[in-house]
Amino acid sequence: MVTDTAFTWADARDECINLGGVLAVPSSDQENEFTLQLSDEIVWIDCNDREVEGRWKCKEGKVEVAYRIWNPNEPNNHGDEDCAAFYTASWGNRKWNDVSCSKVERALCKMAGRPVLHV
């Protein structure tokens, strides 16, 4: 699901937990394509390099996700960008981008017991 309200990245992660889920991240081309059906904008995903610049950690809950589908020339850390957002909008190329964690976007949540991203 995608939240109705926009949040900073950290608040988006907390909101997904408050809703009984986790901030999600697609783990395959199939999940990535499915996610495009949920939103036509920019949504936060659980990827960041806040601990070590350039070392991106993408996880769903406590499970590390190896899948990545960055926009060309991304992540580029332009202006201290340490969190990832998924550009699902039809006007974009529908891949991931690194952005400032303080930006306000909606959150892509996977709810417990409801495998929203499973195809």
PDB file of N, CA and C in Angstrom:
ATOM      1  N   MET A   1       0.832  -1.180   0.000  1.00  0.00           N
ATOM      2  CA  MET A   1       0.000   0.000   0.000  1.00  0.00           C
ATOM      3  C   MET A   1       0.878   1.247   0.000  1.00  0.00           C
ATOM      4  N   VAL A   2       0.319   2.320  -0.438  1.00  0.00           N
ATOM      5  CA  VAL A   2       0.991   3.613  -0.403  1.00  0.00           C
ATOM      6  C   VAL A   2       0.193   4.504   0.540  1.00  0.00           C
ATOM      7  N   THR A   3       0.878   5.159   1.463  1.00  0.00           N
ATOM      8  CA  THR A   3       0.187   6.000   2.440  1.00  0.00           C
ATOM      9  C   THR A   3      -0.480   7.192   1.756  1.00  0.00           C
ATOM     10  N   ASP A   4      -1.534   7.681   2.360  1.00  0.00           N
ATOM     11  CA  ASP A   4      -2.219   8.870   1.854  1.00  0.00           C
ATOM     12  C   ASP A   4      -1.455  10.137   2.206  1.00  0.00           C
ATOM     13  N   THR A   5      -0.709  10.076   3.309  1.00  0.00           N
ATOM     14  CA  THR A   5       0.019  11.230   3.816  1.00  0.00           C
ATOM     15  C   THR A   5       1.491  11.134   3.443  1.00  0.00           C
ATOM     16  N   ALA A   6       2.115  12.278   3.254  1.00  0.00           N
ATOM     17  CA  ALA A   6       3.553  12.337   2.945  1.00  0.00           C
ATOM     18  C   ALA A   6       4.347  12.559   4.225  1.00  0.00           C
ATOM     19  N   PHE A   7       5.550  11.990   4.265  1.00  0.00           N
ATOM     20  CA  PHE A   7       6.410  12.045   5.439  1.00  0.00           C
ATOM     21  C   PHE A   7       7.866  12.211   5.010  1.00  0.00           C
ATOM     22  N   THR A   8       8.731  12.568   5.963  1.00  0.00           N
ATOM     23  CA  THR A   8      10.164  12.445   5.726  1.00  0.00           C
ATOM     24  C   THR A   8      10.459  10.947   5.689  1.00  0.00           C
ATOM     25  N   TRP A   9      11.667  10.566   5.256  1.00  0.00           N
ATOM     26  CA  TRP A   9      11.982   9.143   5.142  1.00  0.00           C
ATOM     27  C   TRP A   9      11.856   8.420   6.485  1.00  0.00           C
ATOM     28  N   ALA A  10      12.446   8.978   7.546  1.00  0.00           N
ATOM     29  CA  ALA A  10      12.399   8.321   8.862  1.00  0.00           C
ATOM     30  C   ALA A  10      10.965   8.219   9.365  1.00  0.00           C
ATOM     31  N   ASP A  11      10.175   9.271   9.179  1.00  0.00           N
ATOM     32  CA  ASP A  11       8.787   9.236   9.616  1.00  0.00           C
ATOM     33  C   ASP A  11       7.970   8.263   8.772  1.00  0.00           C
ATOM     34  N   ALA A  12       8.313   8.124   7.490  1.00  0.00           N
ATOM     35  CA  ALA A  12       7.630   7.157   6.624  1.00  0.00           C
ATOM     36  C   ALA A  12       7.885   5.738   7.130  1.00  0.00           C
ATOM     37  N   ARG A  13       9.122   5.466   7.500  1.00  0.00           N
ATOM     38  CA  ARG A  13       9.456   4.137   8.038  1.00  0.00           C
ATOM     39  C   ARG A  13       8.668   3.869   9.321  1.00  0.00           C
ATOM     40  N   ASP A  14       8.597   4.872  10.195  1.00  0.00           N
ATOM     41  CA  ASP A  14       7.832   4.731  11.439  1.00  0.00           C
ATOM     42  C   ASP A  14       6.346   4.556  11.172  1.00  0.00           C
ATOM     43  N   GLU A  15       5.806   5.299  10.195  1.00  0.00           N
ATOM     44  CA  GLU A  15       4.379   5.200   9.878  1.00  0.00           C
ATOM     45  C   GLU A  15       4.020   3.805   9.391  1.00  0.00           C
ATOM     46  N   CYS A  16       4.857   3.216   8.553  1.00  0.00           N
ATOM     47  CA  CYS A  16       4.586   1.847   8.095  1.00  0.00           C
ATOM     48  C   CYS A  16       4.536   0.885   9.272  1.00  0.00           C
ATOM     49  N   ILE A  17       5.443   1.048  10.225  1.00  0.00           N
ATOM     50  CA  ILE A  17       5.450   0.206  11.427  1.00  0.00           C
ATOM     51  C   ILE A  17       4.178   0.440  12.231  1.00  0.00           C
ATOM     52  N   ASN A  18       3.785   1.712  12.389  1.00  0.00           N
ATOM     53  CA  ASN A  18       2.559   2.043  13.132  1.00  0.00           C
ATOM     54  C   ASN A  18       1.325   1.425  12.478  1.00  0.00           C
ATOM     55  N   LEU A  19       1.355   1.269  11.169  1.00  0.00           N
ATOM     56  CA  LEU A  19       0.237   0.673  10.442  1.00  0.00           C
ATOM     57  C   LEU A  19       0.264  -0.853  10.470  1.00  0.00           C
ATOM     58  N   GLY A  20       1.315  -1.429  11.090  1.00  0.00           N
ATOM     59  CA  GLY A  20       1.422  -2.884  11.193  1.00  0.00           C
ATOM     60  C   GLY A  20       2.228  -3.518  10.091  1.00  0.00           C
ATOM     61  N   GLY A  21       3.061  -2.734   9.424  1.00  0.00           N
ATOM     62  CA  GLY A  21       3.871  -3.253   8.327  1.00  0.00           C
ATOM     63  C   GLY A  21       5.295  -2.759   8.407  1.00  0.00           C
ATOM     64  N   VAL A  22       5.937  -2.707   7.262  1.00  0.00           N
ATOM     65  CA  VAL A  22       7.304  -2.193   7.157  1.00  0.00           C
ATOM     66  C   VAL A  22       7.401  -1.330   5.903  1.00  0.00           C
ATOM     67  N   LEU A  23       8.338  -0.397   5.913  1.00  0.00           N
ATOM     68  CA  LEU A  23       8.647   0.343   4.701  1.00  0.00           C
ATOM     69  C   LEU A  23       9.203  -0.670   3.710  1.00  0.00           C
ATOM     70  N   ALA A  24       8.623  -0.733   2.545  1.00  0.00           N
ATOM     71  CA  ALA A  24       8.932  -1.792   1.592  1.00  0.00           C
ATOM     72  C   ALA A  24      10.024  -1.378   0.617  1.00  0.00           C
ATOM     73  N   VAL A  25      10.557  -2.381  -0.066  1.00  0.00           N
ATOM     74  CA  VAL A  25      11.478  -2.172  -1.180  1.00  0.00           C
ATOM     75  C   VAL A  25      11.265  -3.332  -2.148  1.00  0.00           C
ATOM     76  N   PRO A  26      11.031  -3.027  -3.420  1.00  0.00           N
ATOM     77  CA  PRO A  26      10.873  -4.125  -4.382  1.00  0.00           C
ATOM     78  C   PRO A  26      12.120  -5.001  -4.392  1.00  0.00           C
ATOM     79  N   SER A  27      11.912  -6.321  -4.522  1.00  0.00           N
ATOM     80  CA  SER A  27      13.046  -7.239  -4.499  1.00  0.00           C
ATOM     81  C   SER A  27      13.220  -7.994  -5.815  1.00  0.00           C
ATOM     82  N   SER A  28      12.465  -7.580  -6.848  1.00  0.00           N
ATOM     83  CA  SER A  28      12.589  -8.226  -8.152  1.00  0.00           C
ATOM     84  C   SER A  28      11.962  -7.311  -9.205  1.00  0.00           C
ATOM     85  N   ASP A  29      12.243  -7.610 -10.467  1.00  0.00           N
ATOM     86  CA  ASP A  29      11.603  -6.855 -11.549  1.00  0.00           C
ATOM     87  C   ASP A  29      10.083  -6.990 -11.457  1.00  0.00           C
ATOM     88  N   GLN A  30       9.603  -8.157 -11.074  1.00  0.00           N
ATOM     89  CA  GLN A  30       8.163  -8.379 -10.978  1.00  0.00           C
ATOM     90  C   GLN A  30       7.546  -7.503  -9.888  1.00  0.00           C
ATOM     91  N   GLU A  31       8.176  -7.438  -8.719  1.00  0.00           N
ATOM     92  CA  GLU A  31       7.674  -6.580  -7.652  1.00  0.00           C
ATOM     93  C   GLU A  31       7.772  -5.115  -8.050  1.00  0.00           C
ATOM     94  N   ASN A  32       8.841  -4.766  -8.730  1.00  0.00           N
ATOM     95  CA  ASN A  32       9.008  -3.393  -9.186  1.00  0.00           C
ATOM     96  C   ASN A  32       7.859  -3.002 -10.121  1.00  0.00           C
ATOM     97  N   GLU A  33       7.541  -3.880 -11.063  1.00  0.00           N
ATOM     98  CA  GLU A  33       6.446  -3.616 -12.000  1.00  0.00           C
ATOM     99  C   GLU A  33       5.104  -3.539 -11.270  1.00  0.00           C
ATOM    100  N   PHE A  34       4.888  -4.428 -10.302  1.00  0.00           N
ATOM    101  CA  PHE A  34       3.639  -4.414  -9.547  1.00  0.00           C
ATOM    102  C   PHE A  34       3.486  -3.100  -8.789  1.00  0.00           C
ATOM    103  N   THR A  35       4.579  -2.614  -8.211  1.00  0.00           N
ATOM    104  CA  THR A  35       4.546  -1.377  -7.444  1.00  0.00           C
ATOM    105  C   THR A  35       4.114  -0.198  -8.306  1.00  0.00           C
ATOM    106  N   LEU A  36       4.449  -0.232  -9.575  1.00  0.00           N
ATOM    107  CA  LEU A  36       4.058   0.855 -10.475  1.00  0.00           C
ATOM    108  C   LEU A  36       2.541   0.988 -10.566  1.00  0.00           C
ATOM    109  N   GLN A  37       1.816  -0.089 -10.291  1.00  0.00           N
ATOM    110  CA  GLN A  37       0.355  -0.049 -10.335  1.00  0.00           C
ATOM    111  C   GLN A  37      -0.248   0.599  -9.092  1.00  0.00           C
ATOM    112  N   LEU A  38       0.544   0.742  -8.032  1.00  0.00           N
ATOM    113  CA  LEU A  38       0.034   1.261  -6.763  1.00  0.00           C
ATOM    114  C   LEU A  38       0.071   2.774  -6.665  1.00  0.00           C
ATOM    115  N   SER A  39       0.895   3.405  -7.475  1.00  0.00           N
ATOM    116  CA  SER A  39       1.104   4.838  -7.319  1.00  0.00           C
ATOM    117  C   SER A  39       1.566   5.454  -8.627  1.00  0.00           C
ATOM    118  N   ASP A  40       1.296   6.729  -8.779  1.00  0.00           N
ATOM    119  CA  ASP A  40       1.787   7.469  -9.937  1.00  0.00           C
ATOM    120  C   ASP A  40       2.470   8.734  -9.439  1.00  0.00           C
ATOM    121  N   GLU A  41       3.457   8.538  -8.581  1.00  0.00           N
ATOM    122  CA  GLU A  41       4.190   9.649  -7.992  1.00  0.00           C
ATOM    123  C   GLU A  41       5.539   9.155  -7.472  1.00  0.00           C
ATOM    124  N   ILE A  42       6.041   9.785  -6.459  1.00  0.00           N
ATOM    125  CA  ILE A  42       7.311   9.401  -5.842  1.00  0.00           C
ATOM    126  C   ILE A  42       6.994   8.828  -4.466  1.00  0.00           C
ATOM    127  N   VAL A  43       7.550   7.651  -4.136  1.00  0.00           N
ATOM    128  CA  VAL A  43       7.312   7.038  -2.831  1.00  0.00           C
ATOM    129  C   VAL A  43       8.645   6.617  -2.206  1.00  0.00           C
ATOM    130  N   TRP A  44       8.696   6.726  -0.881  1.00  0.00           N
ATOM    131  CA  TRP A  44       9.868   6.259  -0.146  1.00  0.00           C
ATOM    132  C   TRP A  44       9.942   4.743  -0.168  1.00  0.00           C
ATOM    133  N   ILE A  45      11.171   4.218  -0.261  1.00  0.00           N
ATOM    134  CA  ILE A  45      11.435   2.794  -0.079  1.00  0.00           C
ATOM    135  C   ILE A  45      12.522   2.651   0.976  1.00  0.00           C
ATOM    136  N   ASP A  46      12.671   1.471   1.535  1.00  0.00           N
ATOM    137  CA  ASP A  46      13.622   1.274   2.639  1.00  0.00           C
ATOM    138  C   ASP A  46      15.028   0.976   2.125  1.00  0.00           C
ATOM    139  N   CYS A  47      15.626   1.994   1.537  1.00  0.00           N
ATOM    140  CA  CYS A  47      17.031   1.955   1.108  1.00  0.00           C
ATOM    141  C   CYS A  47      17.691   3.249   1.568  1.00  0.00           C
ATOM    142  N   ASN A  48      18.889   3.122   2.100  1.00  0.00           N
ATOM    143  CA  ASN A  48      19.618   4.326   2.489  1.00  0.00           C
ATOM    144  C   ASN A  48      21.105   4.020   2.607  1.00  0.00           C
ATOM    145  N   ASP A  49      21.894   5.095   2.553  1.00  0.00           N
ATOM    146  CA  ASP A  49      23.329   4.973   2.820  1.00  0.00           C
ATOM    147  C   ASP A  49      23.718   5.962   3.920  1.00  0.00           C
ATOM    148  N   ARG A  50      22.850   6.055   4.937  1.00  0.00           N
ATOM    149  CA  ARG A  50      23.069   6.998   6.037  1.00  0.00           C
ATOM    150  C   ARG A  50      24.254   6.618   6.904  1.00  0.00           C
ATOM    151  N   GLU A  51      24.558   5.327   7.029  1.00  0.00           N
ATOM    152  CA  GLU A  51      25.681   4.905   7.874  1.00  0.00           C
ATOM    153  C   GLU A  51      27.014   5.138   7.188  1.00  0.00           C
ATOM    154  N   VAL A  52      27.151   4.672   5.946  1.00  0.00           N
ATOM    155  CA  VAL A  52      28.386   4.813   5.186  1.00  0.00           C
ATOM    156  C   VAL A  52      28.030   5.305   3.782  1.00  0.00           C
ATOM    157  N   GLU A  53      28.510   6.476   3.426  1.00  0.00           N
ATOM    158  CA  GLU A  53      28.212   7.046   2.116  1.00  0.00           C
ATOM    159  C   GLU A  53      28.616   6.082   0.993  1.00  0.00           C
ATOM    160  N   GLY A  54      27.664   5.820   0.110  1.00  0.00           N
ATOM    161  CA  GLY A  54      27.923   4.946  -1.019  1.00  0.00           C
ATOM    162  C   GLY A  54      27.662   3.477  -0.754  1.00  0.00           C
ATOM    163  N   ARG A  55      27.429   3.098   0.493  1.00  0.00           N
ATOM    164  CA  ARG A  55      27.115   1.707   0.826  1.00  0.00           C
ATOM    165  C   ARG A  55      25.621   1.621   1.127  1.00  0.00           C
ATOM    166  N   TRP A  56      24.854   1.323   0.102  1.00  0.00           N
ATOM    167  CA  TRP A  56      23.400   1.317   0.204  1.00  0.00           C
ATOM    168  C   TRP A  56      22.896   0.048   0.865  1.00  0.00           C
ATOM    169  N   LYS A  57      22.072   0.229   1.885  1.00  0.00           N
ATOM    170  CA  LYS A  57      21.399  -0.880   2.557  1.00  0.00           C
ATOM    171  C   LYS A  57      19.932  -0.797   2.189  1.00  0.00           C
ATOM    172  N   CYS A  58      19.455  -1.846   1.576  1.00  0.00           N
ATOM    173  CA  CYS A  58      18.044  -1.943   1.211  1.00  0.00           C
ATOM    174  C   CYS A  58      17.489  -3.147   1.937  1.00  0.00           C
ATOM    175  N   LYS A  59      16.441  -2.941   2.715  1.00  0.00           N
ATOM    176  CA  LYS A  59      15.890  -4.068   3.447  1.00  0.00           C
ATOM    177  C   LYS A  59      14.386  -3.915   3.608  1.00  0.00           C
ATOM    178  N   GLU A  60      13.779  -5.055   3.816  1.00  0.00           N
ATOM    179  CA  GLU A  60      12.360  -5.104   4.090  1.00  0.00           C
ATOM    180  C   GLU A  60      12.227  -5.740   5.457  1.00  0.00           C
ATOM    181  N   GLY A  61      11.919  -4.903   6.431  1.00  0.00           N
ATOM    182  CA  GLY A  61      11.982  -5.358   7.811  1.00  0.00           C
ATOM    183  C   GLY A  61      13.440  -5.571   8.159  1.00  0.00           C
ATOM    184  N   LYS A  62      13.809  -6.794   8.497  1.00  0.00           N
ATOM    185  CA  LYS A  62      15.204  -7.097   8.823  1.00  0.00           C
ATOM    186  C   LYS A  62      15.911  -7.871   7.707  1.00  0.00           C
ATOM    187  N   VAL A  63      15.227  -8.077   6.597  1.00  0.00           N
ATOM    188  CA  VAL A  63      15.763  -8.874   5.496  1.00  0.00           C
ATOM    189  C   VAL A  63      16.420  -7.963   4.459  1.00  0.00           C
ATOM    190  N   GLU A  64      17.710  -8.175   4.218  1.00  0.00           N
ATOM    191  CA  GLU A  64      18.451  -7.401   3.216  1.00  0.00           C
ATOM    192  C   GLU A  64      17.974  -7.786   1.821  1.00  0.00           C
ATOM    193  N   VAL A  65      17.741  -6.786   0.987  1.00  0.00           N
ATOM    194  CA  VAL A  65      17.300  -6.985  -0.392  1.00  0.00           C
ATOM    195  C   VAL A  65      18.444  -6.611  -1.319  1.00  0.00           C
ATOM    196  N   ALA A  66      18.856  -7.534  -2.178  1.00  0.00           N
ATOM    197  CA  ALA A  66      19.980  -7.297  -3.084  1.00  0.00           C
ATOM    198  C   ALA A  66      19.561  -6.556  -4.352  1.00  0.00           C
ATOM    199  N   TYR A  67      18.292  -6.644  -4.700  1.00  0.00           N
ATOM    200  CA  TYR A  67      17.781  -6.046  -5.945  1.00  0.00           C
ATOM    201  C   TYR A  67      17.941  -4.521  -5.924  1.00  0.00           C
ATOM    202  N   ARG A  68      18.368  -3.960  -7.057  1.00  0.00           N
ATOM    203  CA  ARG A  68      18.472  -2.512  -7.231  1.00  0.00           C
ATOM    204  C   ARG A  68      18.027  -2.166  -8.646  1.00  0.00           C
ATOM    205  N   ILE A  69      17.333  -1.049  -8.803  1.00  0.00           N
ATOM    206  CA  ILE A  69      16.965  -0.568 -10.135  1.00  0.00           C
ATOM    207  C   ILE A  69      17.010   0.972 -10.115  1.00  0.00           C
ATOM    208  N   TRP A  70      18.232   1.483 -10.111  1.00  0.00           N
ATOM    209  CA  TRP A  70      18.467   2.916 -10.034  1.00  0.00           C
ATOM    210  C   TRP A  70      18.230   3.593 -11.384  1.00  0.00           C
ATOM    211  N   ASN A  71      17.786   4.837 -11.326  1.00  0.00           N
ATOM    212  CA  ASN A  71      17.754   5.676 -12.521  1.00  0.00           C
ATOM    213  C   ASN A  71      19.180   5.792 -13.053  1.00  0.00           C
ATOM    214  N   PRO A  72      19.356   6.066 -14.344  1.00  0.00           N
ATOM    215  CA  PRO A  72      20.715   6.271 -14.871  1.00  0.00           C
ATOM    216  C   PRO A  72      21.435   7.369 -14.081  1.00  0.00           C
ATOM    217  N   ASN A  73      22.702   7.156 -13.814  1.00  0.00           N
ATOM    218  CA  ASN A  73      23.553   8.097 -13.067  1.00  0.00           C
ATOM    219  C   ASN A  73      23.127   8.274 -11.610  1.00  0.00           C
ATOM    220  N   GLU A  74      22.386   7.344 -11.084  1.00  0.00           N
ATOM    221  CA  GLU A  74      21.984   7.375  -9.678  1.00  0.00           C
ATOM    222  C   GLU A  74      22.476   6.098  -9.005  1.00  0.00           C
ATOM    223  N   PRO A  75      22.700   6.097  -7.730  1.00  0.00           N
ATOM    224  CA  PRO A  75      22.630   7.237  -6.824  1.00  0.00           C
ATOM    225  C   PRO A  75      23.836   8.159  -7.014  1.00  0.00           C
ATOM    226  N   ASN A  76      23.598   9.457  -6.894  1.00  0.00           N
ATOM    227  CA  ASN A  76      24.691  10.404  -7.150  1.00  0.00           C
ATOM    228  C   ASN A  76      25.022  11.305  -5.968  1.00  0.00           C
ATOM    229  N   ASN A  77      24.272  11.186  -4.871  1.00  0.00           N
ATOM    230  CA  ASN A  77      24.517  11.978  -3.665  1.00  0.00           C
ATOM    231  C   ASN A  77      24.579  13.477  -3.954  1.00  0.00           C
ATOM    232  N   HIS A  78      23.792  13.946  -4.870  1.00  0.00           N
ATOM    233  CA  HIS A  78      23.751  15.367  -5.202  1.00  0.00           C
ATOM    234  C   HIS A  78      23.062  16.132  -4.072  1.00  0.00           C
ATOM    235  N   GLY A  79      23.841  16.858  -3.280  1.00  0.00           N
ATOM    236  CA  GLY A  79      23.270  17.621  -2.172  1.00  0.00           C
ATOM    237  C   GLY A  79      22.931  16.784  -0.955  1.00  0.00           C
ATOM    238  N   ASP A  80      23.780  15.819  -0.626  1.00  0.00           N
ATOM    239  CA  ASP A  80      23.608  14.989   0.562  1.00  0.00           C
ATOM    240  C   ASP A  80      22.328  14.167   0.509  1.00  0.00           C
ATOM    241  N   GLU A  81      22.229  13.311  -0.471  1.00  0.00           N
ATOM    242  CA  GLU A  81      21.070  12.453  -0.666  1.00  0.00           C
ATOM    243  C   GLU A  81      21.377  11.060  -0.129  1.00  0.00           C
ATOM    244  N   ASP A  82      20.765  10.712   0.989  1.00  0.00           N
ATOM    245  CA  ASP A  82      21.077   9.453   1.666  1.00  0.00           C
ATOM    246  C   ASP A  82      19.913   8.474   1.758  1.00  0.00           C
ATOM    247  N   CYS A  83      18.766   8.828   1.188  1.00  0.00           N
ATOM    248  CA  CYS A  83      17.605   7.940   1.232  1.00  0.00           C
ATOM    249  C   CYS A  83      17.074   7.732  -0.177  1.00  0.00           C
ATOM    250  N   ALA A  84      16.430   6.589  -0.389  1.00  0.00           N
ATOM    251  CA  ALA A  84      15.966   6.243  -1.738  1.00  0.00           C
ATOM    252  C   ALA A  84      14.461   6.403  -1.864  1.00  0.00           C
ATOM    253  N   ALA A  85      14.087   6.895  -3.039  1.00  0.00           N
ATOM    254  CA  ALA A  85      12.680   7.005  -3.392  1.00  0.00           C
ATOM    255  C   ALA A  85      12.482   6.334  -4.745  1.00  0.00           C
ATOM    256  N   PHE A  86      11.307   5.816  -4.929  1.00  0.00           N
ATOM    257  CA  PHE A  86      10.946   5.117  -6.153  1.00  0.00           C
ATOM    258  C   PHE A  86      10.090   6.065  -6.978  1.00  0.00           C
ATOM    259  N   TYR A  87      10.579   6.418  -8.147  1.00  0.00           N
ATOM    260  CA  TYR A  87       9.862   7.334  -9.025  1.00  0.00           C
ATOM    261  C   TYR A  87       8.865   6.532  -9.857  1.00  0.00           C
ATOM    262  N   THR A  88       7.682   6.308  -9.294  1.00  0.00           N
ATOM    263  CA  THR A  88       6.666   5.502  -9.967  1.00  0.00           C
ATOM    264  C   THR A  88       5.849   6.310 -10.961  1.00  0.00           C
ATOM    265  N   ALA A  89       6.041   7.625 -10.970  1.00  0.00           N
ATOM    266  CA  ALA A  89       5.229   8.499 -11.825  1.00  0.00           C
ATOM    267  C   ALA A  89       5.420   8.173 -13.302  1.00  0.00           C
ATOM    268  N   SER A  90       4.323   8.228 -14.035  1.00  0.00           N
ATOM    269  CA  SER A  90       4.362   7.912 -15.467  1.00  0.00           C
ATOM    270  C   SER A  90       5.187   8.925 -16.247  1.00  0.00           C
ATOM    271  N   TRP A  91       5.413  10.123 -15.682  1.00  0.00           N
ATOM    272  CA  TRP A  91       6.229  11.132 -16.360  1.00  0.00           C
ATOM    273  C   TRP A  91       7.721  10.886 -16.152  1.00  0.00           C
ATOM    274  N   GLY A  92       8.077   9.921 -15.301  1.00  0.00           N
ATOM    275  CA  GLY A  92       9.482   9.611 -15.050  1.00  0.00           C
ATOM    276  C   GLY A  92       9.871   8.304 -15.707  1.00  0.00           C
ATOM    277  N   ASN A  93      11.101   7.845 -15.438  1.00  0.00           N
ATOM    278  CA  ASN A  93      11.495   6.562 -16.028  1.00  0.00           C
ATOM    279  C   ASN A  93      11.282   5.408 -15.053  1.00  0.00           C
ATOM    280  N   ARG A  94      10.603   5.684 -13.940  1.00  0.00           N
ATOM    281  CA  ARG A  94      10.043   4.671 -13.047  1.00  0.00           C
ATOM    282  C   ARG A  94      11.089   3.766 -12.401  1.00  0.00           C
ATOM    283  N   LYS A  95      12.154   4.396 -11.946  1.00  0.00           N
ATOM    284  CA  LYS A  95      13.216   3.674 -11.245  1.00  0.00           C
ATOM    285  C   LYS A  95      13.537   4.415  -9.951  1.00  0.00           C
ATOM    286  N   TRP A  96      14.619   4.011  -9.284  1.00  0.00           N
ATOM    287  CA  TRP A  96      14.958   4.574  -7.977  1.00  0.00           C
ATOM    288  C   TRP A  96      15.907   5.752  -8.112  1.00  0.00           C
ATOM    289  N   ASN A  97      15.839   6.626  -7.117  1.00  0.00           N
ATOM    290  CA  ASN A  97      16.684   7.805  -7.082  1.00  0.00           C
ATOM    291  C   ASN A  97      17.079   8.068  -5.630  1.00  0.00           C
ATOM    292  N   ASP A  98      18.278   8.571  -5.418  1.00  0.00           N
ATOM    293  CA  ASP A  98      18.629   8.991  -4.067  1.00  0.00           C
ATOM    294  C   ASP A  98      18.196  10.445  -3.893  1.00  0.00           C
ATOM    295  N   VAL A  99      17.597  10.725  -2.735  1.00  0.00           N
ATOM    296  CA  VAL A  99      17.105  12.061  -2.432  1.00  0.00           C
ATOM    297  C   VAL A  99      17.412  12.392  -0.977  1.00  0.00           C
ATOM    298  N   SER A 100      17.235  13.638  -0.613  1.00  0.00           N
ATOM    299  CA  SER A 100      17.432  14.058   0.772  1.00  0.00           C
ATOM    300  C   SER A 100      16.407  13.379   1.664  1.00  0.00           C
ATOM    301  N   CYS A 101      16.859  12.846   2.788  1.00  0.00           N
ATOM    302  CA  CYS A 101      15.967  12.142   3.713  1.00  0.00           C
ATOM    303  C   CYS A 101      14.920  13.062   4.325  1.00  0.00           C
ATOM    304  N   SER A 102      15.137  14.382   4.255  1.00  0.00           N
ATOM    305  CA  SER A 102      14.187  15.332   4.829  1.00  0.00           C
ATOM    306  C   SER A 102      13.080  15.718   3.849  1.00  0.00           C
ATOM    307  N   LYS A 103      13.186  15.249   2.599  1.00  0.00           N
ATOM    308  CA  LYS A 103      12.134  15.498   1.623  1.00  0.00           C
ATOM    309  C   LYS A 103      10.857  14.820   2.111  1.00  0.00           C
ATOM    310  N   VAL A 104       9.708  15.317   1.704  1.00  0.00           N
ATOM    311  CA  VAL A 104       8.433  14.773   2.153  1.00  0.00           C
ATOM    312  C   VAL A 104       7.753  14.062   0.981  1.00  0.00           C
ATOM    313  N   GLU A 105       7.563  12.737   1.140  1.00  0.00           N
ATOM    314  CA  GLU A 105       6.926  11.895   0.115  1.00  0.00           C
ATOM    315  C   GLU A 105       6.014  10.893   0.803  1.00  0.00           C
ATOM    316  N   ARG A 106       5.197  10.213   0.034  1.00  0.00           N
ATOM    317  CA  ARG A 106       4.371   9.140   0.568  1.00  0.00           C
ATOM    318  C   ARG A 106       5.238   7.891   0.734  1.00  0.00           C
ATOM    319  N   ALA A 107       4.747   6.941   1.518  1.00  0.00           N
ATOM    320  CA  ALA A 107       5.531   5.742   1.838  1.00  0.00           C
ATOM    321  C   ALA A 107       4.948   4.501   1.181  1.00  0.00           C
ATOM    322  N   LEU A 108       5.835   3.644   0.684  1.00  0.00           N
ATOM    323  CA  LEU A 108       5.446   2.336   0.174  1.00  0.00           C
ATOM    324  C   LEU A 108       5.583   1.342   1.324  1.00  0.00           C
ATOM    325  N   CYS A 109       4.442   0.874   1.846  1.00  0.00           N
ATOM    326  CA  CYS A 109       4.446  -0.039   2.988  1.00  0.00           C
ATOM    327  C   CYS A 109       4.010  -1.434   2.546  1.00  0.00           C
ATOM    328  N   LYS A 110       4.635  -2.434   3.125  1.00  0.00           N
ATOM    329  CA  LYS A 110       4.166  -3.817   2.977  1.00  0.00           C
ATOM    330  C   LYS A 110       3.569  -4.196   4.322  1.00  0.00           C
ATOM    331  N   MET A 111       2.316  -4.603   4.289  1.00  0.00           N
ATOM    332  CA  MET A 111       1.603  -4.892   5.517  1.00  0.00           C
ATOM    333  C   MET A 111       1.741  -6.365   5.888  1.00  0.00           C
ATOM    334  N   ALA A 112       1.894  -6.629   7.164  1.00  0.00           N
ATOM    335  CA  ALA A 112       1.993  -8.006   7.663  1.00  0.00           C
ATOM    336  C   ALA A 112       0.727  -8.765   7.315  1.00  0.00           C
ATOM    337  N   GLY A 113       0.895  -9.947   6.786  1.00  0.00           N
ATOM    338  CA  GLY A 113      -0.244 -10.782   6.435  1.00  0.00           C
ATOM    339  C   GLY A 113      -0.881 -10.408   5.106  1.00  0.00           C
ATOM    340  N   ARG A 114      -0.421  -9.308   4.518  1.00  0.00           N
ATOM    341  CA  ARG A 114      -0.935  -8.881   3.219  1.00  0.00           C
ATOM    342  C   ARG A 114       0.253  -8.603   2.316  1.00  0.00           C
ATOM    343  N   PRO A 115       0.727  -9.600   1.599  1.00  0.00           N
ATOM    344  CA  PRO A 115       1.946  -9.436   0.770  1.00  0.00           C
ATOM    345  C   PRO A 115       1.670  -8.552  -0.448  1.00  0.00           C
ATOM    346  N   VAL A 116       1.573  -7.252  -0.203  1.00  0.00           N
ATOM    347  CA  VAL A 116       1.187  -6.304  -1.231  1.00  0.00           C
ATOM    348  C   VAL A 116       2.084  -6.359  -2.458  1.00  0.00           C
ATOM    349  N   LEU A 117       3.373  -6.620  -2.258  1.00  0.00           N
ATOM    350  CA  LEU A 117       4.290  -6.576  -3.384  1.00  0.00           C
ATOM    351  C   LEU A 117       4.431  -7.915  -4.092  1.00  0.00           C
ATOM    352  N   HIS A 118       3.768  -8.942  -3.594  1.00  0.00           N
ATOM    353  CA  HIS A 118       3.887 -10.246  -4.265  1.00  0.00           C
ATOM    354  C   HIS A 118       2.995 -10.271  -5.494  1.00  0.00           C
ATOM    355  N   VAL A 119       3.518 -10.854  -6.555  1.00  0.00           N
ATOM    356  CA  VAL A 119       2.789 -10.914  -7.811  1.00  0.00           C
ATOM    357  C   VAL A 119       2.042 -12.230  -7.904  1.00  0.00           C
TER     358      VAL A 119
END
